[in-house]
Amino acid sequence: MMMQVESHSQTENWSWKSQSAQDAAEILGIDGLSEEVPTSAHVVLAAQLKLRHLRRELSARLSNSLEAYQVETGLNSKADLSVEHVWGRIRRVQAARDKLLLLRRRLSADELMSLPVK
């Protein structure tokens, strides 16, 4: 039994220490160097905070590009580029959230599988 717990802990740390998990944690602003795997609630909260900020930024950029479009007769390519950049950041945050939640779900499933059968 002790071997299973130790082996599970090593698997959990290995999964959490993978480069893709570290990158996803960094995108969400979660301390990726921590020994503990963040809870699902922590991941969701971090993503919500990031996404709220990015949506406000997107709204401001869209409002600014609409004003620029109304003033000029042509498209404002610089504003459009910024809008696309913010959309890209939103998609990266969503992907990071999904990746960490999937990792968390897999770790929970592994924990259930390693429990002794009574």
PDB file of N, CA and C in Angstrom:
ATOM      1  N   MET A   1       0.831  -1.192   0.000  1.00  0.00           N
ATOM      2  CA  MET A   1       0.000   0.000   0.000  1.00  0.00           C
ATOM      3  C   MET A   1       0.873   1.251   0.000  1.00  0.00           C
ATOM      4  N   MET A   2       1.915   1.275   0.816  1.00  0.00           N
ATOM      5  CA  MET A   2       2.786   2.443   0.892  1.00  0.00           C
ATOM      6  C   MET A   2       3.473   2.687  -0.444  1.00  0.00           C
ATOM      7  N   MET A   3       3.811   1.629  -1.166  1.00  0.00           N
ATOM      8  CA  MET A   3       4.454   1.769  -2.463  1.00  0.00           C
ATOM      9  C   MET A   3       3.510   2.436  -3.455  1.00  0.00           C
ATOM     10  N   GLN A   4       2.230   2.069  -3.408  1.00  0.00           N
ATOM     11  CA  GLN A   4       1.264   2.669  -4.318  1.00  0.00           C
ATOM     12  C   GLN A   4       1.143   4.164  -4.073  1.00  0.00           C
ATOM     13  N   VAL A   5       1.078   4.560  -2.817  1.00  0.00           N
ATOM     14  CA  VAL A   5       0.950   5.975  -2.476  1.00  0.00           C
ATOM     15  C   VAL A   5       2.190   6.723  -2.932  1.00  0.00           C
ATOM     16  N   GLU A   6       3.374   6.158  -2.663  1.00  0.00           N
ATOM     17  CA  GLU A   6       4.611   6.815  -3.068  1.00  0.00           C
ATOM     18  C   GLU A   6       4.686   6.911  -4.587  1.00  0.00           C
ATOM     19  N   SER A   7       4.322   5.845  -5.267  1.00  0.00           N
ATOM     20  CA  SER A   7       4.347   5.834  -6.724  1.00  0.00           C
ATOM     21  C   SER A   7       3.351   6.844  -7.281  1.00  0.00           C
ATOM     22  N   HIS A   8       2.172   6.933  -6.682  1.00  0.00           N
ATOM     23  CA  HIS A   8       1.173   7.900  -7.131  1.00  0.00           C
ATOM     24  C   HIS A   8       1.679   9.322  -6.927  1.00  0.00           C
ATOM     25  N   SER A   9       2.296   9.576  -5.806  1.00  0.00           N
ATOM     26  CA  SER A   9       2.841  10.909  -5.522  1.00  0.00           C
ATOM     27  C   SER A   9       3.906  11.283  -6.539  1.00  0.00           C
ATOM     28  N   GLN A  10       4.746  10.323  -6.901  1.00  0.00           N
ATOM     29  CA  GLN A  10       5.781  10.583  -7.901  1.00  0.00           C
ATOM     30  C   GLN A  10       5.155  10.870  -9.260  1.00  0.00           C
ATOM     31  N   THR A  11       4.108  10.122  -9.616  1.00  0.00           N
ATOM     32  CA  THR A  11       3.413  10.351 -10.879  1.00  0.00           C
ATOM     33  C   THR A  11       2.781  11.731 -10.890  1.00  0.00           C
ATOM     34  N   GLU A  12       2.171  12.108  -9.768  1.00  0.00           N
ATOM     35  CA  GLU A  12       1.532  13.418  -9.668  1.00  0.00           C
ATOM     36  C   GLU A  12       2.562  14.520  -9.854  1.00  0.00           C
ATOM     37  N   ASN A  13       3.697  14.416  -9.174  1.00  0.00           N
ATOM     38  CA  ASN A  13       4.744  15.422  -9.313  1.00  0.00           C
ATOM     39  C   ASN A  13       5.294  15.444 -10.727  1.00  0.00           C
ATOM     40  N   TRP A  14       5.484  14.269 -11.330  1.00  0.00           N
ATOM     41  CA  TRP A  14       6.015  14.221 -12.685  1.00  0.00           C
ATOM     42  C   TRP A  14       5.052  14.900 -13.654  1.00  0.00           C
ATOM     43  N   SER A  15       3.751  14.593 -13.537  1.00  0.00           N
ATOM     44  CA  SER A  15       2.756  15.203 -14.425  1.00  0.00           C
ATOM     45  C   SER A  15       2.712  16.705 -14.237  1.00  0.00           C
ATOM     46  N   TRP A  16       2.751  17.128 -12.986  1.00  0.00           N
ATOM     47  CA  TRP A  16       2.672  18.555 -12.685  1.00  0.00           C
ATOM     48  C   TRP A  16       3.940  19.275 -13.122  1.00  0.00           C
ATOM     49  N   LYS A  17       5.058  18.595 -13.101  1.00  0.00           N
ATOM     50  CA  LYS A  17       6.327  19.219 -13.469  1.00  0.00           C
ATOM     51  C   LYS A  17       6.600  19.169 -14.973  1.00  0.00           C
ATOM     52  N   SER A  18       5.703  18.583 -15.752  1.00  0.00           N
ATOM     53  CA  SER A  18       5.918  18.548 -17.200  1.00  0.00           C
ATOM     54  C   SER A  18       5.953  19.975 -17.739  1.00  0.00           C
ATOM     55  N   GLN A  19       6.652  20.155 -18.839  1.00  0.00           N
ATOM     56  CA  GLN A  19       6.826  21.504 -19.394  1.00  0.00           C
ATOM     57  C   GLN A  19       5.490  22.118 -19.801  1.00  0.00           C
ATOM     58  N   SER A  20       4.598  21.318 -20.382  1.00  0.00           N
ATOM     59  CA  SER A  20       3.312  21.876 -20.815  1.00  0.00           C
ATOM     60  C   SER A  20       2.473  22.324 -19.620  1.00  0.00           C
ATOM     61  N   ALA A  21       2.520  21.569 -18.518  1.00  0.00           N
ATOM     62  CA  ALA A  21       1.794  21.979 -17.313  1.00  0.00           C
ATOM     63  C   ALA A  21       2.413  23.237 -16.716  1.00  0.00           C
ATOM     64  N   GLN A  22       3.735  23.319 -16.730  1.00  0.00           N
ATOM     65  CA  GLN A  22       4.415  24.513 -16.220  1.00  0.00           C
ATOM     66  C   GLN A  22       4.067  25.737 -17.062  1.00  0.00           C
ATOM     67  N   ASP A  23       4.046  25.566 -18.381  1.00  0.00           N
ATOM     68  CA  ASP A  23       3.688  26.672 -19.275  1.00  0.00           C
ATOM     69  C   ASP A  23       2.253  27.130 -19.028  1.00  0.00           C
ATOM     70  N   ALA A  24       1.348  26.172 -18.874  1.00  0.00           N
ATOM     71  CA  ALA A  24      -0.058  26.505 -18.621  1.00  0.00           C
ATOM     72  C   ALA A  24      -0.203  27.241 -17.290  1.00  0.00           C
ATOM     73  N   ALA A  25       0.516  26.783 -16.273  1.00  0.00           N
ATOM     74  CA  ALA A  25       0.466  27.447 -14.966  1.00  0.00           C
ATOM     75  C   ALA A  25       0.997  28.870 -15.069  1.00  0.00           C
ATOM     76  N   GLU A  26       2.052  29.047 -15.836  1.00  0.00           N
ATOM     77  CA  GLU A  26       2.632  30.382 -16.007  1.00  0.00           C
ATOM     78  C   GLU A  26       1.647  31.324 -16.699  1.00  0.00           C
ATOM     79  N   ILE A  27       0.949  30.840 -17.708  1.00  0.00           N
ATOM     80  CA  ILE A  27      -0.044  31.655 -18.414  1.00  0.00           C
ATOM     81  C   ILE A  27      -1.128  32.122 -17.450  1.00  0.00           C
ATOM     82  N   LEU A  28      -1.534  31.239 -16.537  1.00  0.00           N
ATOM     83  CA  LEU A  28      -2.586  31.585 -15.581  1.00  0.00           C
ATOM     84  C   LEU A  28      -2.064  32.359 -14.376  1.00  0.00           C
ATOM     85  N   GLY A  29      -0.752  32.466 -14.255  1.00  0.00           N
ATOM     86  CA  GLY A  29      -0.187  33.185 -13.119  1.00  0.00           C
ATOM     87  C   GLY A  29      -0.143  32.354 -11.850  1.00  0.00           C
ATOM     88  N   ILE A  30      -0.188  31.034 -12.001  1.00  0.00           N
ATOM     89  CA  ILE A  30      -0.108  30.121 -10.858  1.00  0.00           C
ATOM     90  C   ILE A  30       1.355  29.779 -10.641  1.00  0.00           C
ATOM     91  N   ASP A  31       1.754  29.673  -9.389  1.00  0.00           N
ATOM     92  CA  ASP A  31       3.143  29.343  -9.075  1.00  0.00           C
ATOM     93  C   ASP A  31       3.436  27.925  -9.534  1.00  0.00           C
ATOM     94  N   GLY A  32       4.126  27.813 -10.646  1.00  0.00           N
ATOM     95  CA  GLY A  32       4.438  26.507 -11.211  1.00  0.00           C
ATOM     96  C   GLY A  32       5.571  25.797 -10.503  1.00  0.00           C
ATOM     97  N   LEU A  33       6.292  26.498  -9.641  1.00  0.00           N
ATOM     98  CA  LEU A  33       7.412  25.887  -8.940  1.00  0.00           C
ATOM     99  C   LEU A  33       6.986  25.228  -7.638  1.00  0.00           C
ATOM    100  N   SER A  34       5.732  25.414  -7.261  1.00  0.00           N
ATOM    101  CA  SER A  34       5.217  24.827  -6.036  1.00  0.00           C
ATOM    102  C   SER A  34       5.220  23.302  -6.156  1.00  0.00           C
ATOM    103  N   GLU A  35       5.422  22.644  -5.046  1.00  0.00           N
ATOM    104  CA  GLU A  35       5.406  21.177  -5.039  1.00  0.00           C
ATOM    105  C   GLU A  35       3.982  20.641  -5.116  1.00  0.00           C
ATOM    106  N   GLU A  36       3.004  21.461  -4.717  1.00  0.00           N
ATOM    107  CA  GLU A  36       1.618  21.010  -4.698  1.00  0.00           C
ATOM    108  C   GLU A  36       0.946  21.290  -6.036  1.00  0.00           C
ATOM    109  N   VAL A  37       0.134  20.350  -6.454  1.00  0.00           N
ATOM    110  CA  VAL A  37      -0.661  20.539  -7.662  1.00  0.00           C
ATOM    111  C   VAL A  37      -1.835  21.435  -7.268  1.00  0.00           C
ATOM    112  N   PRO A  38      -2.100  22.504  -8.035  1.00  0.00           N
ATOM    113  CA  PRO A  38      -3.211  23.388  -7.658  1.00  0.00           C
ATOM    114  C   PRO A  38      -4.549  22.664  -7.770  1.00  0.00           C
ATOM    115  N   THR A  39      -5.474  23.071  -6.929  1.00  0.00           N
ATOM    116  CA  THR A  39      -6.805  22.472  -6.983  1.00  0.00           C
ATOM    117  C   THR A  39      -7.538  22.980  -8.215  1.00  0.00           C
ATOM    118  N   SER A  40      -8.602  22.292  -8.573  1.00  0.00           N
ATOM    119  CA  SER A  40      -9.423  22.727  -9.705  1.00  0.00           C
ATOM    120  C   SER A  40      -9.983  24.120  -9.449  1.00  0.00           C
ATOM    121  N   ALA A  41     -10.386  24.376  -8.211  1.00  0.00           N
ATOM    122  CA  ALA A  41     -10.935  25.694  -7.867  1.00  0.00           C
ATOM    123  C   ALA A  41      -9.892  26.785  -8.071  1.00  0.00           C
ATOM    124  N   HIS A  42      -8.657  26.506  -7.709  1.00  0.00           N
ATOM    125  CA  HIS A  42      -7.580  27.478  -7.888  1.00  0.00           C
ATOM    126  C   HIS A  42      -7.352  27.761  -9.369  1.00  0.00           C
ATOM    127  N   VAL A  43      -7.361  26.729 -10.179  1.00  0.00           N
ATOM    128  CA  VAL A  43      -7.171  26.880 -11.624  1.00  0.00           C
ATOM    129  C   VAL A  43      -8.309  27.706 -12.221  1.00  0.00           C
ATOM    130  N   VAL A  44      -9.542  27.370 -11.851  1.00  0.00           N
ATOM    131  CA  VAL A  44     -10.707  28.078 -12.386  1.00  0.00           C
ATOM    132  C   VAL A  44     -10.687  29.541 -11.961  1.00  0.00           C
ATOM    133  N   LEU A  45     -10.379  29.803 -10.696  1.00  0.00           N
ATOM    134  CA  LEU A  45     -10.330  31.188 -10.206  1.00  0.00           C
ATOM    135  C   LEU A  45      -9.254  31.996 -10.930  1.00  0.00           C
ATOM    136  N   ALA A  46      -8.075  31.423 -11.078  1.00  0.00           N
ATOM    137  CA  ALA A  46      -6.988  32.124 -11.772  1.00  0.00           C
ATOM    138  C   ALA A  46      -7.388  32.433 -13.214  1.00  0.00           C
ATOM    139  N   ALA A  47      -8.031  31.475 -13.871  1.00  0.00           N
ATOM    140  CA  ALA A  47      -8.469  31.682 -15.257  1.00  0.00           C
ATOM    141  C   ALA A  47      -9.556  32.747 -15.332  1.00  0.00           C
ATOM    142  N   GLN A  48     -10.500  32.719 -14.401  1.00  0.00           N
ATOM    143  CA  GLN A  48     -11.570  33.719 -14.402  1.00  0.00           C
ATOM    144  C   GLN A  48     -11.008  35.126 -14.243  1.00  0.00           C
ATOM    145  N   LEU A  49     -10.054  35.279 -13.347  1.00  0.00           N
ATOM    146  CA  LEU A  49      -9.454  36.599 -13.134  1.00  0.00           C
ATOM    147  C   LEU A  49      -8.728  37.084 -14.387  1.00  0.00           C
ATOM    148  N   LYS A  50      -7.937  36.201 -14.996  1.00  0.00           N
ATOM    149  CA  LYS A  50      -7.213  36.564 -16.221  1.00  0.00           C
ATOM    150  C   LYS A  50      -8.186  36.895 -17.349  1.00  0.00           C
ATOM    151  N   LEU A  51      -9.204  36.049 -17.511  1.00  0.00           N
ATOM    152  CA  LEU A  51     -10.154  36.257 -18.599  1.00  0.00           C
ATOM    153  C   LEU A  51     -10.966  37.538 -18.404  1.00  0.00           C
ATOM    154  N   ARG A  52     -11.328  37.850 -17.179  1.00  0.00           N
ATOM    155  CA  ARG A  52     -12.060  39.089 -16.913  1.00  0.00           C
ATOM    156  C   ARG A  52     -11.226  40.292 -17.346  1.00  0.00           C
ATOM    157  N   HIS A  53      -9.951  40.277 -16.972  1.00  0.00           N
ATOM    158  CA  HIS A  53      -9.045  41.367 -17.346  1.00  0.00           C
ATOM    159  C   HIS A  53      -8.907  41.464 -18.870  1.00  0.00           C
ATOM    160  N   LEU A  54      -8.726  40.327 -19.522  1.00  0.00           N
ATOM    161  CA  LEU A  54      -8.550  40.322 -20.975  1.00  0.00           C
ATOM    162  C   LEU A  54      -9.824  40.750 -21.710  1.00  0.00           C
ATOM    163  N   ARG A  55     -10.981  40.374 -21.187  1.00  0.00           N
ATOM    164  CA  ARG A  55     -12.237  40.785 -21.830  1.00  0.00           C
ATOM    165  C   ARG A  55     -12.443  42.290 -21.715  1.00  0.00           C
ATOM    166  N   ARG A  56     -12.045  42.853 -20.574  1.00  0.00           N
ATOM    167  CA  ARG A  56     -12.106  44.313 -20.436  1.00  0.00           C
ATOM    168  C   ARG A  56     -11.173  44.976 -21.438  1.00  0.00           C
ATOM    169  N   GLU A  57      -9.975  44.424 -21.554  1.00  0.00           N
ATOM    170  CA  GLU A  57      -9.011  44.965 -22.515  1.00  0.00           C
ATOM    171  C   GLU A  57      -9.555  44.850 -23.942  1.00  0.00           C
ATOM    172  N   LEU A  58     -10.153  43.715 -24.261  1.00  0.00           N
ATOM    173  CA  LEU A  58     -10.730  43.515 -25.587  1.00  0.00           C
ATOM    174  C   LEU A  58     -11.848  44.523 -25.848  1.00  0.00           C
ATOM    175  N   SER A  59     -12.691  44.718 -24.860  1.00  0.00           N
ATOM    176  CA  SER A  59     -13.785  45.677 -25.000  1.00  0.00           C
ATOM    177  C   SER A  59     -13.248  47.079 -25.264  1.00  0.00           C
ATOM    178  N   ALA A  60     -12.215  47.465 -24.531  1.00  0.00           N
ATOM    179  CA  ALA A  60     -11.609  48.786 -24.731  1.00  0.00           C
ATOM    180  C   ALA A  60     -11.005  48.891 -26.125  1.00  0.00           C
ATOM    181  N   ARG A  61     -10.323  47.844 -26.561  1.00  0.00           N
ATOM    182  CA  ARG A  61      -9.710  47.867 -27.899  1.00  0.00           C
ATOM    183  C   ARG A  61     -10.773  47.938 -28.991  1.00  0.00           C
ATOM    184  N   LEU A  62     -11.848  47.170 -28.814  1.00  0.00           N
ATOM    185  CA  LEU A  62     -12.919  47.200 -29.810  1.00  0.00           C
ATOM    186  C   LEU A  62     -13.583  48.570 -29.854  1.00  0.00           C
ATOM    187  N   SER A  63     -13.782  49.157 -28.702  1.00  0.00           N
ATOM    188  CA  SER A  63     -14.386  50.483 -28.643  1.00  0.00           C
ATOM    189  C   SER A  63     -13.469  51.515 -29.296  1.00  0.00           C
ATOM    190  N   ASN A  64     -12.163  51.399 -29.050  1.00  0.00           N
ATOM    191  CA  ASN A  64     -11.205  52.324 -29.667  1.00  0.00           C
ATOM    192  C   ASN A  64     -11.134  52.125 -31.170  1.00  0.00           C
ATOM    193  N   SER A  65     -11.187  50.882 -31.644  1.00  0.00           N
ATOM    194  CA  SER A  65     -11.097  50.672 -33.088  1.00  0.00           C
ATOM    195  C   SER A  65     -12.385  51.109 -33.771  1.00  0.00           C
ATOM    196  N   LEU A  66     -13.525  51.006 -33.086  1.00  0.00           N
ATOM    197  CA  LEU A  66     -14.774  51.493 -33.661  1.00  0.00           C
ATOM    198  C   LEU A  66     -14.723  53.014 -33.806  1.00  0.00           C
ATOM    199  N   GLU A  67     -14.204  53.695 -32.775  1.00  0.00           N
ATOM    200  CA  GLU A  67     -14.059  55.151 -32.845  1.00  0.00           C
ATOM    201  C   GLU A  67     -13.108  55.540 -33.973  1.00  0.00           C
ATOM    202  N   ALA A  68     -12.009  54.830 -34.087  1.00  0.00           N
ATOM    203  CA  ALA A  68     -11.039  55.128 -35.147  1.00  0.00           C
ATOM    204  C   ALA A  68     -11.665  54.885 -36.518  1.00  0.00           C
ATOM    205  N   TYR A  69     -12.473  53.839 -36.632  1.00  0.00           N
ATOM    206  CA  TYR A  69     -13.124  53.525 -37.904  1.00  0.00           C
ATOM    207  C   TYR A  69     -14.132  54.617 -38.278  1.00  0.00           C
ATOM    208  N   GLN A  70     -14.846  55.126 -37.273  1.00  0.00           N
ATOM    209  CA  GLN A  70     -15.835  56.163 -37.544  1.00  0.00           C
ATOM    210  C   GLN A  70     -15.172  57.471 -37.960  1.00  0.00           C
ATOM    211  N   VAL A  71     -13.999  57.768 -37.391  1.00  0.00           N
ATOM    212  CA  VAL A  71     -13.284  58.998 -37.720  1.00  0.00           C
ATOM    213  C   VAL A  71     -12.651  58.886 -39.096  1.00  0.00           C
ATOM    214  N   GLU A  72     -12.021  57.755 -39.373  1.00  0.00           N
ATOM    215  CA  GLU A  72     -11.367  57.544 -40.665  1.00  0.00           C
ATOM    216  C   GLU A  72     -12.306  56.782 -41.586  1.00  0.00           C
ATOM    217  N   THR A  73     -12.043  56.841 -42.854  1.00  0.00           N
ATOM    218  CA  THR A  73     -12.881  56.084 -43.790  1.00  0.00           C
ATOM    219  C   THR A  73     -12.350  54.672 -44.000  1.00  0.00           C
ATOM    220  N   GLY A  74     -11.072  54.446 -43.679  1.00  0.00           N
ATOM    221  CA  GLY A  74     -10.470  53.122 -43.862  1.00  0.00           C
ATOM    222  C   GLY A  74     -10.387  52.374 -42.550  1.00  0.00           C
ATOM    223  N   LEU A  75      -9.920  51.153 -42.647  1.00  0.00           N
ATOM    224  CA  LEU A  75      -9.727  50.337 -41.447  1.00  0.00           C
ATOM    225  C   LEU A  75      -8.465  50.761 -40.726  1.00  0.00           C
ATOM    226  N   ASN A  76      -8.499  50.689 -39.436  1.00  0.00           N
ATOM    227  CA  ASN A  76      -7.327  51.002 -38.626  1.00  0.00           C
ATOM    228  C   ASN A  76      -6.599  49.688 -38.356  1.00  0.00           C
ATOM    229  N   SER A  77      -5.597  49.370 -39.154  1.00  0.00           N
ATOM    230  CA  SER A  77      -4.943  48.059 -39.072  1.00  0.00           C
ATOM    231  C   SER A  77      -4.226  47.860 -37.747  1.00  0.00           C
ATOM    232  N   LYS A  78      -3.686  48.930 -37.151  1.00  0.00           N
ATOM    233  CA  LYS A  78      -2.999  48.791 -35.866  1.00  0.00           C
ATOM    234  C   LYS A  78      -3.989  48.366 -34.780  1.00  0.00           C
ATOM    235  N   ALA A  79      -5.165  48.961 -34.768  1.00  0.00           N
ATOM    236  CA  ALA A  79      -6.189  48.591 -33.783  1.00  0.00           C
ATOM    237  C   ALA A  79      -6.648  47.156 -34.016  1.00  0.00           C
ATOM    238  N   ASP A  80      -6.810  46.765 -35.290  1.00  0.00           N
ATOM    239  CA  ASP A  80      -7.230  45.398 -35.592  1.00  0.00           C
ATOM    240  C   ASP A  80      -6.194  44.389 -35.115  1.00  0.00           C
ATOM    241  N   LEU A  81      -4.922  44.731 -35.280  1.00  0.00           N
ATOM    242  CA  LEU A  81      -3.849  43.857 -34.821  1.00  0.00           C
ATOM    243  C   LEU A  81      -3.925  43.676 -33.312  1.00  0.00           C
ATOM    244  N   SER A  82      -4.176  44.755 -32.587  1.00  0.00           N
ATOM    245  CA  SER A  82      -4.268  44.676 -31.133  1.00  0.00           C
ATOM    246  C   SER A  82      -5.439  43.804 -30.700  1.00  0.00           C
ATOM    247  N   VAL A  83      -6.560  43.937 -31.402  1.00  0.00           N
ATOM    248  CA  VAL A  83      -7.732  43.124 -31.086  1.00  0.00           C
ATOM    249  C   VAL A  83      -7.402  41.650 -31.296  1.00  0.00           C
ATOM    250  N   GLU A  84      -6.748  41.330 -32.402  1.00  0.00           N
ATOM    251  CA  GLU A  84      -6.361  39.938 -32.662  1.00  0.00           C
ATOM    252  C   GLU A  84      -5.383  39.428 -31.602  1.00  0.00           C
ATOM    253  N   HIS A  85      -4.494  40.290 -31.161  1.00  0.00           N
ATOM    254  CA  HIS A  85      -3.529  39.916 -30.125  1.00  0.00           C
ATOM    255  C   HIS A  85      -4.250  39.569 -28.819  1.00  0.00           C
ATOM    256  N   VAL A  86      -5.232  40.381 -28.446  1.00  0.00           N
ATOM    257  CA  VAL A  86      -5.990  40.119 -27.212  1.00  0.00           C
ATOM    258  C   VAL A  86      -6.792  38.828 -27.355  1.00  0.00           C
ATOM    259  N   TRP A  87      -7.407  38.608 -28.522  1.00  0.00           N
ATOM    260  CA  TRP A  87      -8.136  37.359 -28.751  1.00  0.00           C
ATOM    261  C   TRP A  87      -7.206  36.155 -28.601  1.00  0.00           C
ATOM    262  N   GLY A  88      -6.000  36.283 -29.123  1.00  0.00           N
ATOM    263  CA  GLY A  88      -5.019  35.205 -28.990  1.00  0.00           C
ATOM    264  C   GLY A  88      -4.675  34.925 -27.538  1.00  0.00           C
ATOM    265  N   ARG A  89      -4.519  35.981 -26.760  1.00  0.00           N
ATOM    266  CA  ARG A  89      -4.224  35.806 -25.330  1.00  0.00           C
ATOM    267  C   ARG A  89      -5.397  35.147 -24.610  1.00  0.00           C
ATOM    268  N   ILE A  90      -6.621  35.526 -24.975  1.00  0.00           N
ATOM    269  CA  ILE A  90      -7.808  34.901 -24.376  1.00  0.00           C
ATOM    270  C   ILE A  90      -7.820  33.407 -24.694  1.00  0.00           C
ATOM    271  N   ARG A  91      -7.552  33.056 -25.934  1.00  0.00           N
ATOM    272  CA  ARG A  91      -7.529  31.633 -26.321  1.00  0.00           C
ATOM    273  C   ARG A  91      -6.429  30.867 -25.586  1.00  0.00           C
ATOM    274  N   ARG A  92      -5.269  31.504 -25.384  1.00  0.00           N
ATOM    275  CA  ARG A  92      -4.182  30.834 -24.648  1.00  0.00           C
ATOM    276  C   ARG A  92      -4.568  30.593 -23.190  1.00  0.00           C
ATOM    277  N   VAL A  93      -5.238  31.562 -22.561  1.00  0.00           N
ATOM    278  CA  VAL A  93      -5.678  31.392 -21.169  1.00  0.00           C
ATOM    279  C   VAL A  93      -6.704  30.266 -21.085  1.00  0.00           C
ATOM    280  N   GLN A  94      -7.643  30.235 -22.015  1.00  0.00           N
ATOM    281  CA  GLN A  94      -8.649  29.167 -22.011  1.00  0.00           C
ATOM    282  C   GLN A  94      -8.007  27.796 -22.210  1.00  0.00           C
ATOM    283  N   ALA A  95      -7.040  27.712 -23.112  1.00  0.00           N
ATOM    284  CA  ALA A  95      -6.348  26.440 -23.357  1.00  0.00           C
ATOM    285  C   ALA A  95      -5.544  26.016 -22.130  1.00  0.00           C
ATOM    286  N   ALA A  96      -4.897  26.973 -21.467  1.00  0.00           N
ATOM    287  CA  ALA A  96      -4.119  26.664 -20.259  1.00  0.00           C
ATOM    288  C   ALA A  96      -5.043  26.159 -19.158  1.00  0.00           C
ATOM    289  N   ARG A  97      -6.186  26.822 -18.991  1.00  0.00           N
ATOM    290  CA  ARG A  97      -7.168  26.387 -17.992  1.00  0.00           C
ATOM    291  C   ARG A  97      -7.621  24.964 -18.290  1.00  0.00           C
ATOM    292  N   ASP A  98      -7.974  24.695 -19.535  1.00  0.00           N
ATOM    293  CA  ASP A  98      -8.457  23.367 -19.914  1.00  0.00           C
ATOM    294  C   ASP A  98      -7.385  22.298 -19.707  1.00  0.00           C
ATOM    295  N   LYS A  99      -6.142  22.626 -20.038  1.00  0.00           N
ATOM    296  CA  LYS A  99      -5.040  21.674 -19.877  1.00  0.00           C
ATOM    297  C   LYS A  99      -4.840  21.310 -18.400  1.00  0.00           C
ATOM    298  N   LEU A 100      -4.839  22.321 -17.525  1.00  0.00           N
ATOM    299  CA  LEU A 100      -4.621  22.052 -16.100  1.00  0.00           C
ATOM    300  C   LEU A 100      -5.812  21.339 -15.470  1.00  0.00           C
ATOM    301  N   LEU A 101      -7.024  21.668 -15.908  1.00  0.00           N
ATOM    302  CA  LEU A 101      -8.192  20.961 -15.378  1.00  0.00           C
ATOM    303  C   LEU A 101      -8.198  19.500 -15.826  1.00  0.00           C
ATOM    304  N   LEU A 102      -7.771  19.252 -17.057  1.00  0.00           N
ATOM    305  CA  LEU A 102      -7.678  17.875 -17.540  1.00  0.00           C
ATOM    306  C   LEU A 102      -6.619  17.102 -16.750  1.00  0.00           C
ATOM    307  N   LEU A 103      -5.490  17.727 -16.496  1.00  0.00           N
ATOM    308  CA  LEU A 103      -4.443  17.098 -15.689  1.00  0.00           C
ATOM    309  C   LEU A 103      -4.971  16.788 -14.292  1.00  0.00           C
ATOM    310  N   ARG A 104      -5.680  17.737 -13.712  1.00  0.00           N
ATOM    311  CA  ARG A 104      -6.259  17.565 -12.374  1.00  0.00           C
ATOM    312  C   ARG A 104      -7.244  16.392 -12.382  1.00  0.00           C
ATOM    313  N   ARG A 105      -8.075  16.320 -13.424  1.00  0.00           N
ATOM    314  CA  ARG A 105      -9.068  15.244 -13.534  1.00  0.00           C
ATOM    315  C   ARG A 105      -8.376  13.884 -13.653  1.00  0.00           C
ATOM    316  N   ARG A 106      -7.309  13.833 -14.450  1.00  0.00           N
ATOM    317  CA  ARG A 106      -6.563  12.573 -14.595  1.00  0.00           C
ATOM    318  C   ARG A 106      -5.928  12.155 -13.278  1.00  0.00           C
ATOM    319  N   LEU A 107      -5.381  13.128 -12.544  1.00  0.00           N
ATOM    320  CA  LEU A 107      -4.769  12.807 -11.255  1.00  0.00           C
ATOM    321  C   LEU A 107      -5.810  12.289 -10.276  1.00  0.00           C
ATOM    322  N   SER A 108      -7.011  12.876 -10.298  1.00  0.00           N
ATOM    323  CA  SER A 108      -8.086  12.407  -9.420  1.00  0.00           C
ATOM    324  C   SER A 108      -8.507  10.992  -9.793  1.00  0.00           C
ATOM    325  N   ALA A 109      -8.575  10.711 -11.083  1.00  0.00           N
ATOM    326  CA  ALA A 109      -8.938   9.363 -11.538  1.00  0.00           C
ATOM    327  C   ALA A 109      -7.867   8.357 -11.119  1.00  0.00           C
ATOM    328  N   ASP A 110      -6.596   8.760 -11.216  1.00  0.00           N
ATOM    329  CA  ASP A 110      -5.507   7.876 -10.794  1.00  0.00           C
ATOM    330  C   ASP A 110      -5.579   7.599  -9.300  1.00  0.00           C
ATOM    331  N   GLU A 111      -5.956   8.621  -8.524  1.00  0.00           N
ATOM    332  CA  GLU A 111      -6.093   8.434  -7.077  1.00  0.00           C
ATOM    333  C   GLU A 111      -7.171   7.404  -6.784  1.00  0.00           C
ATOM    334  N   LEU A 112      -8.293   7.491  -7.491  1.00  0.00           N
ATOM    335  CA  LEU A 112      -9.380   6.537  -7.279  1.00  0.00           C
ATOM    336  C   LEU A 112      -8.959   5.122  -7.661  1.00  0.00           C
ATOM    337  N   MET A 113      -8.187   5.003  -8.730  1.00  0.00           N
ATOM    338  CA  MET A 113      -7.744   3.684  -9.181  1.00  0.00           C
ATOM    339  C   MET A 113      -6.737   3.064  -8.216  1.00  0.00           C
ATOM    340  N   SER A 114      -6.007   3.899  -7.477  1.00  0.00           N
ATOM    341  CA  SER A 114      -4.980   3.360  -6.588  1.00  0.00           C
ATOM    342  C   SER A 114      -5.516   3.038  -5.192  1.00  0.00           C
ATOM    343  N   LEU A 115      -6.789   3.359  -4.926  1.00  0.00           N
ATOM    344  CA  LEU A 115      -7.368   3.035  -3.626  1.00  0.00           C
ATOM    345  C   LEU A 115      -7.531   1.524  -3.493  1.00  0.00           C
ATOM    346  N   PRO A 116      -7.285   0.995  -2.297  1.00  0.00           N
ATOM    347  CA  PRO A 116      -7.447  -0.456  -2.110  1.00  0.00           C
ATOM    348  C   PRO A 116      -8.924  -0.851  -2.198  1.00  0.00           C
ATOM    349  N   VAL A 117      -9.164  -2.016  -2.753  1.00  0.00           N
ATOM    350  CA  VAL A 117     -10.524  -2.541  -2.880  1.00  0.00           C
ATOM    351  C   VAL A 117     -10.866  -3.257  -1.596  1.00  0.00           C
ATOM    352  N   LYS A 118     -12.046  -2.972  -1.065  1.00  0.00           N
ATOM    353  CA  LYS A 118     -12.467  -3.598   0.203  1.00  0.00           C
ATOM    354  C   LYS A 118     -13.327  -4.794  -0.050  1.00  0.00           C
TER     355      LYS A 118
END
